[in-house]
Amino acid sequence: LKHGDFGITDDFFTVGGDSLGIIRMTLEAERQGLPFAGAALAACRTIEKLAQAMYAGADVLSCDFLKQEVAFNEAWQDVFKLAQARPYPPEGGIENIFLTGAAGFLGGRLLCDLLERTKADIYCLVRAENATAAIVRIKKAVSRFQIELSAAQFDRIKPLCGDLTQPYFGLDKNIWEDLAAKTGAVYHCAAQVNMILPYSELRAANVGAVQEVLRFSCAGRRKHLHHASTLSVFVATDRNEGRL
């Protein structure tokens, strides 16, 4: 916090802490041999409560636990069977693209690039009540980049109201199957990036959603799959290479 005007019973956020401060504190604590999850500090906002939680060994996820969570298991069997049954490489041209995260910063920029560089229709999965609300969210994301898209380009944006955490993305099964049959490429860049929430609350959006995207990619025609993870920009700096 760069000041010492607090005691062991003061709330972290009332004395100047914020979400970025939690990240800094977590990293500094680890360097000093005091590993704890950022979610623990969010739940135990005083030094006193955090110390009690650490002594109790509460809310600390091990690497072994996480490896086991995402390891190949029964949940992946259907995806594996689908992948074996499809020809490779993907056949035909790419006339339809499926994009997740179009209402976000990365997905919005990617949508602009895909509209400019391809002639494909872009099916954008957006969490919204209806198609109109989905388009509003997408246009808001695109407006950040001051890129002028033509009416013809906007016509190629096909909003899909759904939820990545749900089976079939929350879509009607027939719509999902039709989309899987005609899609030639999938760009998955949607995620719930949060340094505070516990793993149990983030799992569906960041692990379960990947399973659903893989299942979709293997259903119908074989597809190119591009999966972007922006979180690695922050937590994998020892391995990052190239230009950011």
C-alpha atoms as a PDB file:
ATOM      1  CA  LEU A   1       0.000   0.000   0.000  1.00  0.00           C
ATOM      2  CA  LYS A   2       3.092   2.238   0.269  1.00  0.00           C
ATOM      3  CA  HIS A   3       2.039   3.510   3.685  1.00  0.00           C
ATOM      4  CA  GLY A   4       1.787   2.116   7.201  1.00  0.00           C
ATOM      5  CA  ASP A   5      -1.309   3.898   8.436  1.00  0.00           C
ATOM      6  CA  PHE A   6      -3.287   0.781   9.329  1.00  0.00           C
ATOM      7  CA  GLY A   7      -3.494  -1.989  11.901  1.00  0.00           C
ATOM      8  CA  ILE A   8      -4.199  -5.696  11.856  1.00  0.00           C
ATOM      9  CA  THR A   9      -7.966  -5.150  12.151  1.00  0.00           C
ATOM     10  CA  ASP A  10      -8.305  -2.584   9.326  1.00  0.00           C
ATOM     11  CA  ASP A  11     -10.051  -3.591   6.095  1.00  0.00           C
ATOM     12  CA  PHE A  12      -7.626  -3.840   3.155  1.00  0.00           C
ATOM     13  CA  PHE A  13      -9.943  -1.909   0.837  1.00  0.00           C
ATOM     14  CA  THR A  14     -10.692   0.929   3.254  1.00  0.00           C
ATOM     15  CA  VAL A  15      -7.004   1.785   3.706  1.00  0.00           C
ATOM     16  CA  GLY A  16      -6.215   2.069  -0.008  1.00  0.00           C
ATOM     17  CA  GLY A  17      -6.235  -1.500  -1.348  1.00  0.00           C
ATOM     18  CA  ASP A  18      -7.812  -2.523  -4.653  1.00  0.00           C
ATOM     19  CA  SER A  19      -7.925  -5.543  -6.956  1.00  0.00           C
ATOM     20  CA  LEU A  20      -4.515  -4.754  -8.487  1.00  0.00           C
ATOM     21  CA  GLY A  21      -3.189  -4.353  -4.951  1.00  0.00           C
ATOM     22  CA  ILE A  22      -4.322  -7.891  -4.200  1.00  0.00           C
ATOM     23  CA  ILE A  23      -2.241  -9.161  -7.119  1.00  0.00           C
ATOM     24  CA  ARG A  24       0.822  -7.234  -5.945  1.00  0.00           C
ATOM     25  CA  MET A  25       0.373  -8.424  -2.377  1.00  0.00           C
ATOM     26  CA  THR A  26      -0.107 -12.037  -3.440  1.00  0.00           C
ATOM     27  CA  LEU A  27       3.122 -11.972  -5.500  1.00  0.00           C
ATOM     28  CA  GLU A  28       5.107 -10.211  -2.774  1.00  0.00           C
ATOM     29  CA  ALA A  29       3.834 -12.614  -0.120  1.00  0.00           C
ATOM     30  CA  GLU A  30       4.837 -15.587  -2.266  1.00  0.00           C
ATOM     31  CA  ARG A  31       8.350 -14.147  -2.622  1.00  0.00           C
ATOM     32  CA  GLN A  32       8.520 -14.017   1.157  1.00  0.00           C
ATOM     33  CA  GLY A  33       7.329 -17.586   1.620  1.00  0.00           C
ATOM     34  CA  LEU A  34       3.708 -16.777   2.489  1.00  0.00           C
ATOM     35  CA  PRO A  35       1.669 -18.318  -0.331  1.00  0.00           C
ATOM     36  CA  PHE A  36      -2.068 -17.643  -0.271  1.00  0.00           C
ATOM     37  CA  ALA A  37      -4.813 -17.252  -2.839  1.00  0.00           C
ATOM     38  CA  GLY A  38      -5.997 -13.813  -3.889  1.00  0.00           C
ATOM     39  CA  ALA A  39      -9.515 -14.990  -3.110  1.00  0.00           C
ATOM     40  CA  ALA A  40      -8.428 -15.500   0.503  1.00  0.00           C
ATOM     41  CA  LEU A  41      -7.522 -11.815   0.837  1.00  0.00           C
ATOM     42  CA  ALA A  42     -10.825 -10.815  -0.734  1.00  0.00           C
ATOM     43  CA  ALA A  43     -12.683 -12.928   1.813  1.00  0.00           C
ATOM     44  CA  CYS A  44     -10.423 -12.124   4.790  1.00  0.00           C
ATOM     45  CA  ARG A  45      -9.810  -8.418   4.416  1.00  0.00           C
ATOM     46  CA  THR A  46      -7.853  -7.793   7.597  1.00  0.00           C
ATOM     47  CA  ILE A  47      -4.389  -9.013   8.540  1.00  0.00           C
ATOM     48  CA  GLU A  48      -5.865 -10.692  11.591  1.00  0.00           C
ATOM     49  CA  LYS A  49      -8.494 -12.698   9.661  1.00  0.00           C
ATOM     50  CA  LEU A  50      -6.059 -13.533   6.858  1.00  0.00           C
ATOM     51  CA  ALA A  51      -3.520 -14.892   9.352  1.00  0.00           C
ATOM     52  CA  GLN A  52      -6.193 -17.041  10.981  1.00  0.00           C
ATOM     53  CA  ALA A  53      -7.248 -18.412   7.587  1.00  0.00           C
ATOM     54  CA  MET A  54      -3.635 -19.149   6.615  1.00  0.00           C
ATOM     55  CA  TYR A  55      -2.986 -21.022   9.866  1.00  0.00           C
ATOM     56  CA  ALA A  56      -6.147 -23.025   9.221  1.00  0.00           C
ATOM     57  CA  GLY A  57      -4.959 -23.798   5.679  1.00  0.00           C
ATOM     58  CA  ALA A  58      -8.148 -22.432   4.165  1.00  0.00           C
ATOM     59  CA  ASP A  59      -8.853 -21.794   0.487  1.00  0.00           C
ATOM     60  CA  VAL A  60      -5.488 -22.703  -1.014  1.00  0.00           C
ATOM     61  CA  LEU A  61      -5.558 -24.684  -4.264  1.00  0.00           C
ATOM     62  CA  SER A  62      -2.575 -26.850  -5.055  1.00  0.00           C
ATOM     63  CA  CYS A  63      -1.139 -27.279  -8.539  1.00  0.00           C
ATOM     64  CA  ASP A  64      -1.802 -31.025  -8.235  1.00  0.00           C
ATOM     65  CA  PHE A  65      -5.492 -30.353  -7.615  1.00  0.00           C
ATOM     66  CA  LEU A  66      -5.763 -28.094 -10.675  1.00  0.00           C
ATOM     67  CA  LYS A  67      -3.881 -30.564 -12.889  1.00  0.00           C
ATOM     68  CA  GLN A  68      -6.291 -33.296 -11.850  1.00  0.00           C
ATOM     69  CA  GLU A  69      -9.246 -30.983 -12.517  1.00  0.00           C
ATOM     70  CA  VAL A  70      -8.340 -30.471 -16.175  1.00  0.00           C
ATOM     71  CA  ALA A  71      -6.814 -33.894 -16.834  1.00  0.00           C
ATOM     72  CA  PHE A  72      -8.288 -36.239 -19.433  1.00  0.00           C
ATOM     73  CA  ASN A  73     -11.290 -37.923 -17.824  1.00  0.00           C
ATOM     74  CA  GLU A  74     -14.797 -39.146 -18.620  1.00  0.00           C
ATOM     75  CA  ALA A  75     -15.983 -35.614 -19.382  1.00  0.00           C
ATOM     76  CA  TRP A  76     -13.655 -35.558 -22.404  1.00  0.00           C
ATOM     77  CA  GLN A  77     -14.558 -38.994 -23.801  1.00  0.00           C
ATOM     78  CA  ASP A  78     -17.320 -37.728 -26.112  1.00  0.00           C
ATOM     79  CA  VAL A  79     -15.068 -34.986 -27.476  1.00  0.00           C
ATOM     80  CA  PHE A  80     -12.281 -37.483 -28.101  1.00  0.00           C
ATOM     81  CA  LYS A  81     -14.611 -39.843 -29.981  1.00  0.00           C
ATOM     82  CA  LEU A  82     -15.982 -36.997 -32.095  1.00  0.00           C
ATOM     83  CA  ALA A  83     -12.468 -35.861 -32.985  1.00  0.00           C
ATOM     84  CA  GLN A  84     -11.485 -39.347 -34.159  1.00  0.00           C
ATOM     85  CA  ALA A  85     -14.566 -39.610 -36.381  1.00  0.00           C
ATOM     86  CA  ARG A  86     -13.969 -36.402 -38.346  1.00  0.00           C
ATOM     87  CA  PRO A  87     -11.705 -36.043 -41.397  1.00  0.00           C
ATOM     88  CA  TYR A  88      -8.669 -33.796 -41.187  1.00  0.00           C
ATOM     89  CA  PRO A  89      -7.816 -31.210 -42.427  1.00  0.00           C
ATOM     90  CA  PRO A  90     -11.118 -29.275 -42.464  1.00  0.00           C
ATOM     91  CA  GLU A  91     -12.820 -29.662 -45.799  1.00  0.00           C
ATOM     92  CA  GLY A  92     -13.986 -26.825 -48.015  1.00  0.00           C
ATOM     93  CA  GLY A  93     -13.728 -23.077 -47.621  1.00  0.00           C
ATOM     94  CA  ILE A  94     -14.588 -21.074 -44.512  1.00  0.00           C
ATOM     95  CA  GLU A  95     -17.881 -19.336 -45.207  1.00  0.00           C
ATOM     96  CA  ASN A  96     -18.995 -19.206 -41.584  1.00  0.00           C
ATOM     97  CA  ILE A  97     -16.996 -18.389 -38.430  1.00  0.00           C
ATOM     98  CA  PHE A  98     -18.056 -18.895 -34.822  1.00  0.00           C
ATOM     99  CA  LEU A  99     -16.676 -16.257 -32.419  1.00  0.00           C
ATOM    100  CA  THR A 100     -16.917 -16.039 -28.630  1.00  0.00           C
ATOM    101  CA  GLY A 101     -16.183 -12.890 -26.662  1.00  0.00           C
ATOM    102  CA  ALA A 102     -17.279 -10.447 -29.378  1.00  0.00           C
ATOM    103  CA  ALA A 103     -18.614  -8.043 -26.734  1.00  0.00           C
ATOM    104  CA  GLY A 104     -15.235  -7.923 -24.995  1.00  0.00           C
ATOM    105  CA  PHE A 105     -12.066  -5.961 -25.733  1.00  0.00           C
ATOM    106  CA  LEU A 106     -10.124  -8.730 -27.488  1.00  0.00           C
ATOM    107  CA  GLY A 107     -13.153 -10.263 -29.188  1.00  0.00           C
ATOM    108  CA  GLY A 108     -14.403  -6.903 -30.426  1.00  0.00           C
ATOM    109  CA  ARG A 109     -11.086  -6.156 -32.096  1.00  0.00           C
ATOM    110  CA  LEU A 110     -10.883  -9.655 -33.522  1.00  0.00           C
ATOM    111  CA  LEU A 111     -14.394  -9.273 -34.946  1.00  0.00           C
ATOM    112  CA  CYS A 112     -13.313  -6.128 -36.814  1.00  0.00           C
ATOM    113  CA  ASP A 113     -10.285  -7.908 -38.253  1.00  0.00           C
ATOM    114  CA  LEU A 114     -12.321 -10.930 -39.340  1.00  0.00           C
ATOM    115  CA  LEU A 115     -14.857  -8.709 -41.070  1.00  0.00           C
ATOM    116  CA  GLU A 116     -12.080  -6.872 -42.909  1.00  0.00           C
ATOM    117  CA  ARG A 117      -9.917  -9.871 -43.789  1.00  0.00           C
ATOM    118  CA  THR A 118     -12.559 -12.467 -44.651  1.00  0.00           C
ATOM    119  CA  LYS A 119     -15.858 -12.654 -46.487  1.00  0.00           C
ATOM    120  CA  ALA A 120     -17.341 -15.050 -43.950  1.00  0.00           C
ATOM    121  CA  ASP A 121     -20.447 -14.536 -41.864  1.00  0.00           C
ATOM    122  CA  ILE A 122     -19.434 -14.187 -38.198  1.00  0.00           C
ATOM    123  CA  TYR A 123     -21.706 -15.916 -35.698  1.00  0.00           C
ATOM    124  CA  CYS A 124     -21.133 -14.163 -32.359  1.00  0.00           C
ATOM    125  CA  LEU A 125     -22.208 -15.844 -29.134  1.00  0.00           C
ATOM    126  CA  VAL A 126     -23.267 -13.099 -26.717  1.00  0.00           C
ATOM    127  CA  ARG A 127     -24.935 -13.231 -23.338  1.00  0.00           C
ATOM    128  CA  ALA A 128     -28.019 -11.103 -23.987  1.00  0.00           C
ATOM    129  CA  GLU A 129     -31.811 -11.277 -23.737  1.00  0.00           C
ATOM    130  CA  ASN A 130     -32.394 -10.988 -27.475  1.00  0.00           C
ATOM    131  CA  ALA A 131     -30.637 -10.371 -30.797  1.00  0.00           C
ATOM    132  CA  THR A 132     -31.156  -6.607 -30.597  1.00  0.00           C
ATOM    133  CA  ALA A 133     -29.506  -6.403 -27.180  1.00  0.00           C
ATOM    134  CA  ALA A 134     -26.663  -8.615 -28.438  1.00  0.00           C
ATOM    135  CA  ILE A 135     -25.999  -6.308 -31.407  1.00  0.00           C
ATOM    136  CA  VAL A 136     -25.967  -3.290 -29.061  1.00  0.00           C
ATOM    137  CA  ARG A 137     -23.284  -4.968 -26.927  1.00  0.00           C
ATOM    138  CA  ILE A 138     -21.241  -5.863 -30.002  1.00  0.00           C
ATOM    139  CA  LYS A 139     -21.459  -2.340 -31.466  1.00  0.00           C
ATOM    140  CA  LYS A 140     -20.359  -0.891 -28.122  1.00  0.00           C
ATOM    141  CA  ALA A 141     -17.292  -3.146 -28.145  1.00  0.00           C
ATOM    142  CA  VAL A 142     -16.441  -2.290 -31.763  1.00  0.00           C
ATOM    143  CA  SER A 143     -16.806   1.466 -31.168  1.00  0.00           C
ATOM    144  CA  ARG A 144     -13.740   1.447 -28.894  1.00  0.00           C
ATOM    145  CA  PHE A 145     -11.424   1.029 -31.857  1.00  0.00           C
ATOM    146  CA  GLN A 146     -12.727   3.884 -34.032  1.00  0.00           C
ATOM    147  CA  ILE A 147     -13.011   1.510 -36.979  1.00  0.00           C
ATOM    148  CA  GLU A 148     -15.675   2.333 -39.557  1.00  0.00           C
ATOM    149  CA  LEU A 149     -17.520  -0.821 -40.554  1.00  0.00           C
ATOM    150  CA  SER A 150     -19.800  -0.703 -43.571  1.00  0.00           C
ATOM    151  CA  ALA A 151     -23.463  -1.690 -43.498  1.00  0.00           C
ATOM    152  CA  ALA A 152     -22.560  -4.782 -45.519  1.00  0.00           C
ATOM    153  CA  GLN A 153     -20.002  -5.794 -42.896  1.00  0.00           C
ATOM    154  CA  PHE A 154     -22.498  -5.324 -40.070  1.00  0.00           C
ATOM    155  CA  ASP A 155     -24.937  -7.504 -42.012  1.00  0.00           C
ATOM    156  CA  ARG A 156     -22.400 -10.328 -41.776  1.00  0.00           C
ATOM    157  CA  ILE A 157     -22.543 -10.233 -37.964  1.00  0.00           C
ATOM    158  CA  LYS A 158     -24.967 -12.930 -36.829  1.00  0.00           C
ATOM    159  CA  PRO A 159     -25.739 -12.599 -33.100  1.00  0.00           C
ATOM    160  CA  LEU A 160     -26.493 -15.702 -31.064  1.00  0.00           C
ATOM    161  CA  CYS A 161     -27.966 -15.232 -27.594  1.00  0.00           C
ATOM    162  CA  GLY A 162     -26.447 -17.903 -25.407  1.00  0.00           C
ATOM    163  CA  ASP A 163     -24.156 -18.869 -22.574  1.00  0.00           C
ATOM    164  CA  LEU A 164     -20.811 -20.673 -22.919  1.00  0.00           C
ATOM    165  CA  THR A 165     -21.256 -22.359 -19.550  1.00  0.00           C
ATOM    166  CA  GLN A 166     -24.422 -24.176 -20.693  1.00  0.00           C
ATOM    167  CA  PRO A 167     -24.767 -27.345 -22.798  1.00  0.00           C
ATOM    168  CA  TYR A 168     -25.038 -26.440 -26.493  1.00  0.00           C
ATOM    169  CA  PHE A 169     -24.057 -22.890 -25.425  1.00  0.00           C
ATOM    170  CA  GLY A 170     -27.614 -22.449 -24.178  1.00  0.00           C
ATOM    171  CA  LEU A 171     -28.882 -22.687 -27.772  1.00  0.00           C
ATOM    172  CA  ASP A 172     -31.599 -24.903 -29.141  1.00  0.00           C
ATOM    173  CA  LYS A 173     -29.997 -28.239 -30.041  1.00  0.00           C
ATOM    174  CA  ASN A 174     -31.156 -28.046 -33.667  1.00  0.00           C
ATOM    175  CA  ILE A 175     -29.640 -24.555 -34.052  1.00  0.00           C
ATOM    176  CA  TRP A 176     -26.391 -25.791 -32.468  1.00  0.00           C
ATOM    177  CA  GLU A 177     -26.196 -28.786 -34.817  1.00  0.00           C
ATOM    178  CA  ASP A 178     -26.943 -26.654 -37.889  1.00  0.00           C
ATOM    179  CA  LEU A 179     -24.213 -24.211 -36.859  1.00  0.00           C
ATOM    180  CA  ALA A 180     -21.744 -27.038 -36.216  1.00  0.00           C
ATOM    181  CA  ALA A 181     -22.447 -28.415 -39.695  1.00  0.00           C
ATOM    182  CA  LYS A 182     -21.678 -25.182 -41.556  1.00  0.00           C
ATOM    183  CA  THR A 183     -18.953 -23.531 -39.439  1.00  0.00           C
ATOM    184  CA  GLY A 184     -15.403 -23.769 -40.766  1.00  0.00           C
ATOM    185  CA  ALA A 185     -13.496 -21.949 -38.008  1.00  0.00           C
ATOM    186  CA  VAL A 186     -13.910 -21.226 -34.303  1.00  0.00           C
ATOM    187  CA  TYR A 187     -12.270 -18.316 -32.475  1.00  0.00           C
ATOM    188  CA  HIS A 188     -12.634 -18.751 -28.716  1.00  0.00           C
ATOM    189  CA  CYS A 189     -11.476 -15.712 -26.750  1.00  0.00           C
ATOM    190  CA  ALA A 190     -14.231 -15.372 -24.143  1.00  0.00           C
ATOM    191  CA  ALA A 191     -13.267 -15.907 -20.516  1.00  0.00           C
ATOM    192  CA  GLN A 192     -14.077 -14.701 -17.041  1.00  0.00           C
ATOM    193  CA  VAL A 193     -10.818 -13.080 -15.949  1.00  0.00           C
ATOM    194  CA  ASN A 194     -10.965 -12.302 -12.245  1.00  0.00           C
ATOM    195  CA  MET A 195      -8.140 -12.412  -9.703  1.00  0.00           C
ATOM    196  CA  ILE A 196     -10.515 -12.378  -6.735  1.00  0.00           C
ATOM    197  CA  LEU A 197     -13.249 -14.955  -7.262  1.00  0.00           C
ATOM    198  CA  PRO A 198     -12.546 -18.525  -6.090  1.00  0.00           C
ATOM    199  CA  TYR A 199     -11.840 -21.261  -8.619  1.00  0.00           C
ATOM    200  CA  SER A 200     -15.227 -22.864  -7.991  1.00  0.00           C
ATOM    201  CA  GLU A 201     -16.972 -19.758  -9.387  1.00  0.00           C
ATOM    202  CA  LEU A 202     -14.628 -19.416 -12.380  1.00  0.00           C
ATOM    203  CA  ARG A 203     -14.523 -23.058 -13.429  1.00  0.00           C
ATOM    204  CA  ALA A 204     -17.675 -23.115 -15.554  1.00  0.00           C
ATOM    205  CA  ALA A 205     -16.634 -20.113 -17.669  1.00  0.00           C
ATOM    206  CA  ASN A 206     -12.964 -21.010 -18.063  1.00  0.00           C
ATOM    207  CA  VAL A 207     -12.780 -24.815 -18.000  1.00  0.00           C
ATOM    208  CA  GLY A 208     -16.284 -26.069 -18.740  1.00  0.00           C
ATOM    209  CA  ALA A 209     -16.628 -23.586 -21.604  1.00  0.00           C
ATOM    210  CA  VAL A 210     -13.478 -24.927 -23.260  1.00  0.00           C
ATOM    211  CA  GLN A 211     -14.976 -28.413 -23.140  1.00  0.00           C
ATOM    212  CA  GLU A 212     -18.126 -27.127 -24.837  1.00  0.00           C
ATOM    213  CA  VAL A 213     -16.109 -25.275 -27.498  1.00  0.00           C
ATOM    214  CA  LEU A 214     -14.097 -28.434 -28.228  1.00  0.00           C
ATOM    215  CA  ARG A 215     -17.270 -30.482 -28.435  1.00  0.00           C
ATOM    216  CA  PHE A 216     -18.704 -27.967 -30.913  1.00  0.00           C
ATOM    217  CA  SER A 217     -15.459 -27.907 -32.917  1.00  0.00           C
ATOM    218  CA  CYS A 218     -15.552 -31.678 -33.333  1.00  0.00           C
ATOM    219  CA  ALA A 219     -19.268 -31.894 -34.161  1.00  0.00           C
ATOM    220  CA  GLY A 220     -20.575 -31.492 -37.714  1.00  0.00           C
ATOM    221  CA  ARG A 221     -17.758 -30.639 -40.109  1.00  0.00           C
ATOM    222  CA  ARG A 222     -14.168 -30.481 -38.881  1.00  0.00           C
ATOM    223  CA  LYS A 223     -13.071 -26.963 -37.975  1.00  0.00           C
ATOM    224  CA  HIS A 224     -10.030 -24.817 -37.359  1.00  0.00           C
ATOM    225  CA  LEU A 225      -9.940 -23.850 -33.662  1.00  0.00           C
ATOM    226  CA  HIS A 226      -8.132 -20.749 -32.381  1.00  0.00           C
ATOM    227  CA  HIS A 227      -8.062 -20.356 -28.579  1.00  0.00           C
ATOM    228  CA  ALA A 228      -6.722 -17.131 -27.069  1.00  0.00           C
ATOM    229  CA  SER A 229      -5.863 -16.702 -23.389  1.00  0.00           C
ATOM    230  CA  THR A 230      -5.061 -13.136 -22.354  1.00  0.00           C
ATOM    231  CA  LEU A 231      -4.542 -14.176 -18.728  1.00  0.00           C
ATOM    232  CA  SER A 232      -1.123 -15.587 -19.654  1.00  0.00           C
ATOM    233  CA  VAL A 233       0.020 -12.015 -20.346  1.00  0.00           C
ATOM    234  CA  PHE A 234      -0.037 -11.451 -16.579  1.00  0.00           C
ATOM    235  CA  VAL A 235       0.839 -14.815 -15.049  1.00  0.00           C
ATOM    236  CA  ALA A 236       3.274 -16.390 -17.518  1.00  0.00           C
ATOM    237  CA  THR A 237       5.795 -13.595 -17.974  1.00  0.00           C
ATOM    238  CA  ASP A 238       8.671 -16.013 -17.454  1.00  0.00           C
ATOM    239  CA  ARG A 239       7.705 -17.774 -20.699  1.00  0.00           C
ATOM    240  CA  ASN A 240       6.300 -14.979 -22.852  1.00  0.00           C
ATOM    241  CA  GLU A 241       8.117 -14.341 -26.100  1.00  0.00           C
ATOM    242  CA  GLY A 242       7.550 -12.074 -29.046  1.00  0.00           C
ATOM    243  CA  ARG A 243       5.761  -8.767 -29.239  1.00  0.00           C
ATOM    244  CA  LEU A 244       3.001  -7.539 -26.938  1.00  0.00           C
END
